[in-house]
Amino acid sequence: MEKAEFVEMIKLRTKRLAIDVIMLYENMRKTDSTRVIGKQLIHSATSVAANYRAACIARSQREFFSKLSIVVEEADETLFWLEILNETKFVSNELLKPLIGETLELLKIVSKARKSVSSN
């Protein structure tokens, strides 16, 4: 796979994660707790996608590294909120498992990319 194809694939995957998280929230039972957690989750998941796109148009290597760092932080936060929903049983494990898996994969991919940028 060419670099450009890989970049586009990750753009699509991060956007799909954001959309899936939004849809999860829309279908979630709303309580005071789930509203707070859900909004935090939406914020972090959409930030993953938005900051990855921003990294793709970075004007310098330093800016690229900075944006990738934000993506890593936001993906880790997304994972945290998904784990909270899972451990509180506010959302079924069946619904969360694919989101947790995708978030973990994206976190690993972007962390590895950031590491390779920092070593160059």
N, C-alpha and C. Protein backbone atom coordinates (compact mmCIF):
# COMPACT_ATOMS: atom_id res chain seq x y z
N MET A 1 0.84 -1.18 0.00
CA MET A 1 0.00 0.00 0.00
C MET A 1 0.89 1.25 0.00
N GLU A 2 0.56 2.17 -0.88
CA GLU A 2 1.32 3.42 -0.96
C GLU A 2 1.02 4.30 0.24
N LYS A 3 1.94 5.23 0.51
CA LYS A 3 1.78 6.13 1.64
C LYS A 3 0.48 6.93 1.55
N ALA A 4 0.19 7.46 0.36
CA ALA A 4 -1.03 8.26 0.18
C ALA A 4 -2.29 7.43 0.45
N GLU A 5 -2.28 6.18 0.02
CA GLU A 5 -3.42 5.30 0.26
C GLU A 5 -3.57 5.02 1.76
N PHE A 6 -2.44 4.81 2.42
CA PHE A 6 -2.44 4.55 3.85
C PHE A 6 -3.00 5.75 4.62
N VAL A 7 -2.54 6.94 4.26
CA VAL A 7 -3.01 8.17 4.90
C VAL A 7 -4.52 8.31 4.73
N GLU A 8 -5.01 8.07 3.52
CA GLU A 8 -6.46 8.17 3.27
C GLU A 8 -7.23 7.11 4.05
N MET A 9 -6.68 5.92 4.16
CA MET A 9 -7.33 4.85 4.91
C MET A 9 -7.46 5.25 6.39
N ILE A 10 -6.41 5.83 6.94
CA ILE A 10 -6.46 6.24 8.35
C ILE A 10 -7.42 7.42 8.52
N LYS A 11 -7.47 8.32 7.56
CA LYS A 11 -8.46 9.41 7.61
C LYS A 11 -9.87 8.83 7.69
N LEU A 12 -10.14 7.87 6.82
CA LEU A 12 -11.47 7.24 6.81
C LEU A 12 -11.77 6.50 8.10
N ARG A 13 -10.78 5.78 8.61
CA ARG A 13 -10.98 5.01 9.84
C ARG A 13 -11.21 5.92 11.04
N THR A 14 -10.47 7.03 11.12
CA THR A 14 -10.67 7.94 12.25
C THR A 14 -12.03 8.63 12.16
N LYS A 15 -12.44 8.99 10.94
CA LYS A 15 -13.76 9.60 10.77
C LYS A 15 -14.86 8.59 11.09
N ARG A 16 -14.70 7.35 10.65
CA ARG A 16 -15.68 6.30 10.92
C ARG A 16 -15.80 6.08 12.43
N LEU A 17 -14.66 6.09 13.14
CA LEU A 17 -14.70 5.94 14.60
C LEU A 17 -15.51 7.07 15.22
N ALA A 18 -15.28 8.29 14.78
CA ALA A 18 -16.02 9.44 15.31
C ALA A 18 -17.52 9.28 15.07
N ILE A 19 -17.88 8.87 13.87
CA ILE A 19 -19.31 8.68 13.55
C ILE A 19 -19.91 7.55 14.37
N ASP A 20 -19.18 6.46 14.51
CA ASP A 20 -19.67 5.33 15.29
C ASP A 20 -19.88 5.72 16.76
N VAL A 21 -18.98 6.53 17.29
CA VAL A 21 -19.12 6.99 18.67
C VAL A 21 -20.34 7.90 18.81
N ILE A 22 -20.53 8.80 17.85
CA ILE A 22 -21.71 9.68 17.87
C ILE A 22 -22.98 8.85 17.85
N MET A 23 -23.02 7.84 16.99
CA MET A 23 -24.22 7.00 16.88
C MET A 23 -24.42 6.17 18.16
N LEU A 24 -23.33 5.72 18.76
CA LEU A 24 -23.43 5.00 20.04
C LEU A 24 -24.11 5.90 21.07
N TYR A 25 -23.64 7.14 21.15
CA TYR A 25 -24.22 8.08 22.12
C TYR A 25 -25.70 8.34 21.82
N GLU A 26 -26.03 8.53 20.56
CA GLU A 26 -27.42 8.81 20.19
C GLU A 26 -28.35 7.67 20.61
N ASN A 27 -27.84 6.46 20.64
CA ASN A 27 -28.66 5.29 20.98
C ASN A 27 -28.52 4.84 22.42
N MET A 28 -27.74 5.56 23.19
CA MET A 28 -27.48 5.20 24.58
C MET A 28 -28.62 5.68 25.48
N ARG A 29 -28.88 4.94 26.53
CA ARG A 29 -29.83 5.39 27.55
C ARG A 29 -29.22 6.60 28.24
N LYS A 30 -30.00 7.68 28.34
CA LYS A 30 -29.47 8.93 28.87
C LYS A 30 -29.77 9.05 30.37
N THR A 31 -28.69 9.22 31.12
CA THR A 31 -28.75 9.56 32.54
C THR A 31 -27.79 10.72 32.71
N ASP A 32 -27.74 11.29 33.90
CA ASP A 32 -26.76 12.36 34.13
C ASP A 32 -25.35 11.87 33.83
N SER A 33 -25.03 10.68 34.28
CA SER A 33 -23.68 10.13 34.08
C SER A 33 -23.38 9.84 32.62
N THR A 34 -24.31 9.21 31.93
CA THR A 34 -24.03 8.86 30.53
C THR A 34 -23.96 10.09 29.64
N ARG A 35 -24.68 11.14 30.01
CA ARG A 35 -24.57 12.39 29.24
C ARG A 35 -23.17 12.98 29.36
N VAL A 36 -22.66 13.03 30.57
CA VAL A 36 -21.31 13.58 30.80
C VAL A 36 -20.26 12.73 30.10
N ILE A 37 -20.31 11.42 30.32
CA ILE A 37 -19.34 10.51 29.71
C ILE A 37 -19.47 10.55 28.19
N GLY A 38 -20.69 10.53 27.71
CA GLY A 38 -20.93 10.52 26.26
C GLY A 38 -20.38 11.76 25.58
N LYS A 39 -20.58 12.91 26.19
CA LYS A 39 -20.07 14.15 25.59
C LYS A 39 -18.55 14.18 25.60
N GLN A 40 -17.94 13.68 26.66
CA GLN A 40 -16.48 13.59 26.72
C GLN A 40 -15.98 12.63 25.63
N LEU A 41 -16.66 11.52 25.48
CA LEU A 41 -16.31 10.52 24.48
C LEU A 41 -16.43 11.08 23.07
N ILE A 42 -17.51 11.77 22.79
CA ILE A 42 -17.69 12.38 21.47
C ILE A 42 -16.59 13.40 21.22
N HIS A 43 -16.30 14.20 22.21
CA HIS A 43 -15.25 15.22 22.05
C HIS A 43 -13.91 14.58 21.70
N SER A 44 -13.52 13.56 22.43
CA SER A 44 -12.21 12.94 22.18
C SER A 44 -12.18 12.18 20.86
N ALA A 45 -13.24 11.46 20.53
CA ALA A 45 -13.26 10.68 19.28
C ALA A 45 -13.26 11.58 18.05
N THR A 46 -14.02 12.67 18.10
CA THR A 46 -14.02 13.59 16.96
C THR A 46 -12.69 14.33 16.86
N SER A 47 -12.06 14.55 17.99
CA SER A 47 -10.74 15.20 17.99
C SER A 47 -9.68 14.30 17.35
N VAL A 48 -9.80 13.00 17.54
CA VAL A 48 -8.88 12.06 16.88
C VAL A 48 -8.93 12.29 15.37
N ALA A 49 -10.14 12.29 14.82
CA ALA A 49 -10.31 12.45 13.38
C ALA A 49 -9.87 13.82 12.90
N ALA A 50 -10.28 14.86 13.59
CA ALA A 50 -9.96 16.23 13.17
C ALA A 50 -8.46 16.50 13.23
N ASN A 51 -7.82 16.04 14.29
CA ASN A 51 -6.38 16.30 14.42
C ASN A 51 -5.55 15.43 13.48
N TYR A 52 -6.04 14.23 13.15
CA TYR A 52 -5.32 13.44 12.15
C TYR A 52 -5.36 14.15 10.80
N ARG A 53 -6.52 14.67 10.45
CA ARG A 53 -6.64 15.43 9.19
C ARG A 53 -5.71 16.63 9.21
N ALA A 54 -5.65 17.31 10.36
CA ALA A 54 -4.76 18.47 10.48
C ALA A 54 -3.30 18.05 10.34
N ALA A 55 -2.95 16.91 10.88
CA ALA A 55 -1.57 16.41 10.76
C ALA A 55 -1.22 16.17 9.29
N CYS A 56 -2.18 15.70 8.54
CA CYS A 56 -1.95 15.39 7.13
C CYS A 56 -1.64 16.63 6.28
N ILE A 57 -2.02 17.80 6.76
CA ILE A 57 -1.73 19.02 6.01
C ILE A 57 -0.77 19.93 6.79
N ALA A 58 -0.02 19.33 7.70
CA ALA A 58 0.93 20.10 8.51
C ALA A 58 1.96 20.79 7.61
N ARG A 59 2.38 21.97 8.03
CA ARG A 59 3.32 22.77 7.24
C ARG A 59 4.78 22.44 7.56
N SER A 60 5.00 21.71 8.64
CA SER A 60 6.37 21.36 9.01
C SER A 60 6.38 20.02 9.75
N GLN A 61 7.55 19.46 9.86
CA GLN A 61 7.72 18.20 10.59
C GLN A 61 7.34 18.39 12.06
N ARG A 62 7.69 19.54 12.61
CA ARG A 62 7.38 19.85 14.01
C ARG A 62 5.86 19.92 14.22
N GLU A 63 5.16 20.59 13.32
CA GLU A 63 3.71 20.69 13.40
C GLU A 63 3.06 19.30 13.24
N PHE A 64 3.59 18.51 12.31
CA PHE A 64 3.11 17.15 12.09
C PHE A 64 3.23 16.32 13.37
N PHE A 65 4.40 16.39 14.00
CA PHE A 65 4.63 15.65 15.24
C PHE A 65 3.67 16.12 16.34
N SER A 66 3.48 17.41 16.42
CA SER A 66 2.58 17.98 17.43
C SER A 66 1.15 17.49 17.24
N LYS A 67 0.67 17.52 16.01
CA LYS A 67 -0.70 17.06 15.73
C LYS A 67 -0.84 15.56 15.98
N LEU A 68 0.17 14.79 15.59
CA LEU A 68 0.11 13.34 15.87
C LEU A 68 0.08 13.08 17.37
N SER A 69 0.80 13.90 18.12
CA SER A 69 0.80 13.75 19.58
C SER A 69 -0.59 13.99 20.15
N ILE A 70 -1.29 14.96 19.60
CA ILE A 70 -2.67 15.22 20.03
C ILE A 70 -3.56 14.04 19.67
N VAL A 71 -3.37 13.48 18.49
CA VAL A 71 -4.15 12.31 18.07
C VAL A 71 -3.94 11.15 19.06
N VAL A 72 -2.70 10.92 19.44
CA VAL A 72 -2.40 9.85 20.40
C VAL A 72 -3.10 10.11 21.73
N GLU A 73 -3.00 11.33 22.23
CA GLU A 73 -3.65 11.68 23.49
C GLU A 73 -5.16 11.51 23.42
N GLU A 74 -5.76 11.99 22.35
CA GLU A 74 -7.21 11.92 22.21
C GLU A 74 -7.69 10.48 21.99
N ALA A 75 -6.92 9.68 21.28
CA ALA A 75 -7.28 8.27 21.09
C ALA A 75 -7.22 7.54 22.44
N ASP A 76 -6.21 7.87 23.24
CA ASP A 76 -6.10 7.25 24.56
C ASP A 76 -7.27 7.68 25.44
N GLU A 77 -7.66 8.94 25.35
CA GLU A 77 -8.82 9.41 26.12
C GLU A 77 -10.10 8.73 25.64
N THR A 78 -10.23 8.57 24.34
CA THR A 78 -11.40 7.86 23.79
C THR A 78 -11.47 6.45 24.36
N LEU A 79 -10.34 5.79 24.37
CA LEU A 79 -10.27 4.44 24.93
C LEU A 79 -10.69 4.45 26.41
N PHE A 80 -10.23 5.44 27.15
CA PHE A 80 -10.58 5.57 28.56
C PHE A 80 -12.10 5.65 28.74
N TRP A 81 -12.77 6.53 27.98
CA TRP A 81 -14.22 6.68 28.13
C TRP A 81 -14.97 5.42 27.70
N LEU A 82 -14.48 4.75 26.67
CA LEU A 82 -15.10 3.49 26.26
C LEU A 82 -14.97 2.45 27.37
N GLU A 83 -13.81 2.41 28.01
CA GLU A 83 -13.60 1.47 29.12
C GLU A 83 -14.52 1.80 30.30
N ILE A 84 -14.71 3.09 30.57
CA ILE A 84 -15.61 3.51 31.65
C ILE A 84 -17.03 3.03 31.35
N LEU A 85 -17.49 3.25 30.11
CA LEU A 85 -18.83 2.78 29.73
C LEU A 85 -18.94 1.27 29.88
N ASN A 86 -17.89 0.57 29.54
CA ASN A 86 -17.89 -0.88 29.63
C ASN A 86 -17.92 -1.34 31.10
N GLU A 87 -17.05 -0.76 31.91
CA GLU A 87 -16.94 -1.20 33.31
C GLU A 87 -18.14 -0.80 34.15
N THR A 88 -18.82 0.27 33.78
CA THR A 88 -20.03 0.66 34.50
C THR A 88 -21.26 -0.08 33.99
N LYS A 89 -21.09 -0.79 32.88
CA LYS A 89 -22.19 -1.54 32.24
C LYS A 89 -23.29 -0.61 31.72
N PHE A 90 -22.93 0.66 31.47
CA PHE A 90 -23.90 1.59 30.89
C PHE A 90 -24.21 1.20 29.44
N VAL A 91 -23.23 0.56 28.79
CA VAL A 91 -23.39 0.10 27.41
C VAL A 91 -22.89 -1.33 27.37
N SER A 92 -23.53 -2.16 26.58
CA SER A 92 -23.15 -3.57 26.53
C SER A 92 -21.76 -3.75 25.93
N ASN A 93 -21.10 -4.76 26.42
CA ASN A 93 -19.77 -5.12 25.92
C ASN A 93 -19.83 -5.42 24.42
N GLU A 94 -20.93 -6.01 23.99
CA GLU A 94 -21.12 -6.35 22.57
C GLU A 94 -21.04 -5.11 21.68
N LEU A 95 -21.62 -4.00 22.12
CA LEU A 95 -21.56 -2.76 21.35
C LEU A 95 -20.20 -2.07 21.45
N LEU A 96 -19.57 -2.20 22.61
CA LEU A 96 -18.31 -1.49 22.85
C LEU A 96 -17.09 -2.20 22.30
N LYS A 97 -17.14 -3.51 22.23
CA LYS A 97 -15.95 -4.29 21.83
C LYS A 97 -15.37 -3.84 20.49
N PRO A 98 -16.18 -3.67 19.43
CA PRO A 98 -15.59 -3.22 18.16
C PRO A 98 -14.99 -1.81 18.24
N LEU A 99 -15.63 -0.92 19.00
CA LEU A 99 -15.11 0.44 19.15
C LEU A 99 -13.80 0.44 19.93
N ILE A 100 -13.74 -0.36 20.96
CA ILE A 100 -12.51 -0.46 21.75
C ILE A 100 -11.40 -1.04 20.88
N GLY A 101 -11.71 -2.07 20.11
CA GLY A 101 -10.71 -2.68 19.23
C GLY A 101 -10.18 -1.71 18.19
N GLU A 102 -11.08 -0.97 17.56
CA GLU A 102 -10.67 0.00 16.54
C GLU A 102 -9.85 1.13 17.15
N THR A 103 -10.27 1.61 18.31
CA THR A 103 -9.53 2.68 18.98
C THR A 103 -8.13 2.21 19.34
N LEU A 104 -8.01 0.99 19.85
CA LEU A 104 -6.69 0.43 20.18
C LEU A 104 -5.80 0.33 18.94
N GLU A 105 -6.37 -0.16 17.85
CA GLU A 105 -5.60 -0.28 16.60
C GLU A 105 -5.11 1.08 16.11
N LEU A 106 -6.01 2.05 16.10
CA LEU A 106 -5.62 3.39 15.65
C LEU A 106 -4.57 4.00 16.58
N LEU A 107 -4.73 3.78 17.86
CA LEU A 107 -3.76 4.28 18.84
C LEU A 107 -2.37 3.68 18.57
N LYS A 108 -2.31 2.40 18.29
CA LYS A 108 -1.03 1.75 17.99
C LYS A 108 -0.42 2.28 16.70
N ILE A 109 -1.24 2.43 15.67
CA ILE A 109 -0.75 2.92 14.38
C ILE A 109 -0.18 4.33 14.50
N VAL A 110 -0.95 5.21 15.14
CA VAL A 110 -0.51 6.60 15.23
C VAL A 110 0.66 6.75 16.20
N SER A 111 0.68 5.97 17.25
CA SER A 111 1.82 6.00 18.18
C SER A 111 3.11 5.58 17.47
N LYS A 112 2.99 4.54 16.65
CA LYS A 112 4.15 4.07 15.89
C LYS A 112 4.62 5.13 14.88
N ALA A 113 3.67 5.77 14.21
CA ALA A 113 4.01 6.83 13.26
C ALA A 113 4.70 7.99 13.97
N ARG A 114 4.19 8.36 15.13
CA ARG A 114 4.78 9.46 15.89
C ARG A 114 6.21 9.10 16.34
N LYS A 115 6.38 7.86 16.75
CA LYS A 115 7.70 7.41 17.19
C LYS A 115 8.70 7.46 16.03
N SER A 116 8.26 7.04 14.84
CA SER A 116 9.17 7.06 13.69
C SER A 116 9.49 8.49 13.26
N VAL A 117 8.55 9.41 13.44
CA VAL A 117 8.81 10.81 13.13
C VAL A 117 9.82 11.39 14.10
N SER A 118 9.69 11.03 15.37
CA SER A 118 10.60 11.59 16.39
C SER A 118 12.01 11.04 16.26
N SER A 119 12.16 9.86 15.68
CA SER A 119 13.50 9.29 15.52
C SER A 119 14.19 9.78 14.25
N ASN A 120 13.45 10.47 13.38
CA ASN A 120 14.06 11.00 12.14
C ASN A 120 14.68 12.34 12.34
